[in-house]
Amino acid sequence: MNIAEVSKKYDLTQDTLRYYERVGLLPRVNRTASGIRDYSEEDCRWVEFIKCMRQAGLPIEVLIEYVALYQKGDETIQARRQLLVEQREQLIERIREMNETLERLNYKIDAYERNAECRP
């Protein structure tokens, strides 16, 4: 797949895909003889993984570290696992905080619907 196709498939700009590759977030993408990026199935799996992790709020720096560890091979499996475990804990905390905010919003909306006085 070329960069335009990948961009459309994953709803990412071509500039974003180039940036991911430039900073080492996306492993180097092979190119055709004419220099056009040629994304393999594995490259697309990386794009999908990165997009998912970014949507979950993982920082680019953490993902760059993960990719670097992955490229070093199986001796980094435990380090990669630990990195993901730490990120999961942070995500769980963010979800907890968002649920608290949602509860407060629901309370405020309910108060307005009952025409009750609504204080902060």
Protein backbone atom coordinates (compact mmCIF):
# COMPACT_ATOMS: atom_id res chain seq x y z
CA MET A 1 0.00 0.00 0.00
CA ASN A 2 1.24 3.50 -0.67
CA ILE A 3 1.10 6.30 1.87
CA ALA A 4 -2.14 7.74 0.49
CA GLU A 5 -3.91 4.40 0.88
CA VAL A 6 -2.61 3.91 4.42
CA SER A 7 -3.55 7.47 5.29
CA LYS A 8 -7.11 6.90 4.12
CA LYS A 9 -7.45 3.44 5.68
CA TYR A 10 -6.34 4.57 9.16
CA ASP A 11 -7.65 8.14 8.99
CA LEU A 12 -4.23 9.65 9.59
CA THR A 13 -2.61 12.38 7.56
CA GLN A 14 0.32 11.53 5.36
CA ASP A 15 2.38 14.02 7.37
CA THR A 16 1.53 12.10 10.54
CA LEU A 17 2.68 8.84 8.98
CA ARG A 18 5.93 10.47 7.81
CA TYR A 19 6.43 11.92 11.30
CA TYR A 20 5.87 8.53 12.94
CA GLU A 21 8.53 7.05 10.70
CA ARG A 22 10.95 9.96 11.17
CA VAL A 23 10.90 9.81 14.99
CA GLY A 24 11.20 6.03 15.09
CA LEU A 25 7.65 5.39 16.19
CA LEU A 26 6.99 3.41 13.05
CA PRO A 27 9.74 1.02 11.97
CA ARG A 28 11.34 2.00 8.66
CA VAL A 29 8.94 1.50 5.77
CA ASN A 30 10.35 -0.08 2.60
CA ARG A 31 10.28 1.94 -0.59
CA THR A 32 9.73 1.09 -4.21
CA ALA A 33 12.51 1.54 -6.78
CA SER A 34 11.12 5.03 -7.42
CA GLY A 35 11.30 5.93 -3.71
CA ILE A 36 7.60 5.69 -2.85
CA ARG A 37 6.76 4.22 0.55
CA ASP A 38 5.39 0.69 0.22
CA TYR A 39 3.59 -0.29 3.42
CA SER A 40 3.52 -4.02 4.14
CA GLU A 41 0.89 -5.83 6.22
CA GLU A 42 3.30 -5.67 9.17
CA ASP A 43 3.77 -1.92 8.68
CA CYS A 44 -0.02 -1.53 8.69
CA ARG A 45 -0.27 -3.53 11.92
CA TRP A 46 2.22 -1.08 13.45
CA VAL A 47 0.16 1.88 12.23
CA GLU A 48 -2.97 0.34 13.72
CA PHE A 49 -1.18 -0.38 17.03
CA ILE A 50 0.23 3.15 17.23
CA LYS A 51 -3.14 4.71 16.46
CA CYS A 52 -4.86 2.60 19.12
CA MET A 53 -2.24 3.40 21.75
CA ARG A 54 -2.32 7.13 20.93
CA GLN A 55 -6.12 7.15 21.22
CA ALA A 56 -5.68 5.59 24.66
CA GLY A 57 -3.42 8.49 25.59
CA LEU A 58 0.00 6.84 25.52
CA PRO A 59 2.73 9.43 24.95
CA ILE A 60 4.74 9.27 21.76
CA GLU A 61 7.93 8.95 23.81
CA VAL A 62 6.64 5.77 25.45
CA LEU A 63 5.70 4.30 22.10
CA ILE A 64 9.10 5.19 20.64
CA GLU A 65 10.71 3.35 23.56
CA TYR A 66 8.43 0.36 22.98
CA VAL A 67 9.34 0.20 19.28
CA ALA A 68 13.06 0.49 20.09
CA LEU A 69 12.76 -2.36 22.59
CA TYR A 70 10.81 -4.46 20.08
CA GLN A 71 13.51 -3.99 17.49
CA LYS A 72 16.14 -5.30 19.93
CA GLY A 73 14.44 -8.68 19.97
CA ASP A 74 13.14 -11.23 22.42
CA GLU A 75 15.51 -10.27 25.23
CA THR A 76 13.33 -7.18 25.74
CA ILE A 77 10.02 -9.01 26.15
CA GLN A 78 9.85 -8.39 29.90
CA ALA A 79 10.77 -4.73 29.51
CA ARG A 80 8.07 -4.28 26.84
CA ARG A 81 5.54 -6.05 29.03
CA GLN A 82 6.43 -3.85 32.02
CA LEU A 83 6.13 -0.71 29.92
CA LEU A 84 2.64 -1.75 28.81
CA VAL A 85 1.62 -2.69 32.36
CA GLU A 86 2.65 0.76 33.59
CA GLN A 87 0.70 2.43 30.79
CA ARG A 88 -2.34 0.29 31.57
CA GLU A 89 -2.24 1.48 35.20
CA GLN A 90 -2.13 5.10 34.06
CA LEU A 91 -5.03 4.48 31.67
CA ILE A 92 -7.08 2.87 34.44
CA GLU A 93 -6.52 5.95 36.59
CA ARG A 94 -7.54 8.29 33.75
CA ILE A 95 -10.70 6.23 33.20
CA ARG A 96 -11.49 6.45 36.92
CA GLU A 97 -11.08 10.22 36.82
CA MET A 98 -13.23 10.48 33.70
CA ASN A 99 -15.96 8.38 35.34
CA GLU A 100 -15.97 10.75 38.30
CA THR A 101 -16.34 13.68 35.92
CA LEU A 102 -19.14 11.90 34.08
CA GLU A 103 -20.99 11.31 37.35
CA ARG A 104 -20.70 14.98 38.23
CA LEU A 105 -21.94 16.02 34.79
CA ASN A 106 -24.91 13.66 35.08
CA TYR A 107 -25.73 15.10 38.49
CA LYS A 108 -25.61 18.66 37.13
CA ILE A 109 -27.74 17.80 34.09
CA ASP A 110 -30.30 16.04 36.28
CA ALA A 111 -30.46 19.10 38.54
CA TYR A 112 -31.16 21.35 35.56
CA GLU A 113 -33.83 18.98 34.27
CA ARG A 114 -35.56 19.10 37.69
CA ASN A 115 -35.22 22.90 37.66
CA ALA A 116 -33.33 22.61 40.88
CA GLU A 117 -30.78 25.13 41.98
CA CYS A 118 -27.49 24.14 40.46
CA ARG A 119 -24.36 25.05 42.37
CA PRO A 120 -20.79 24.09 41.56
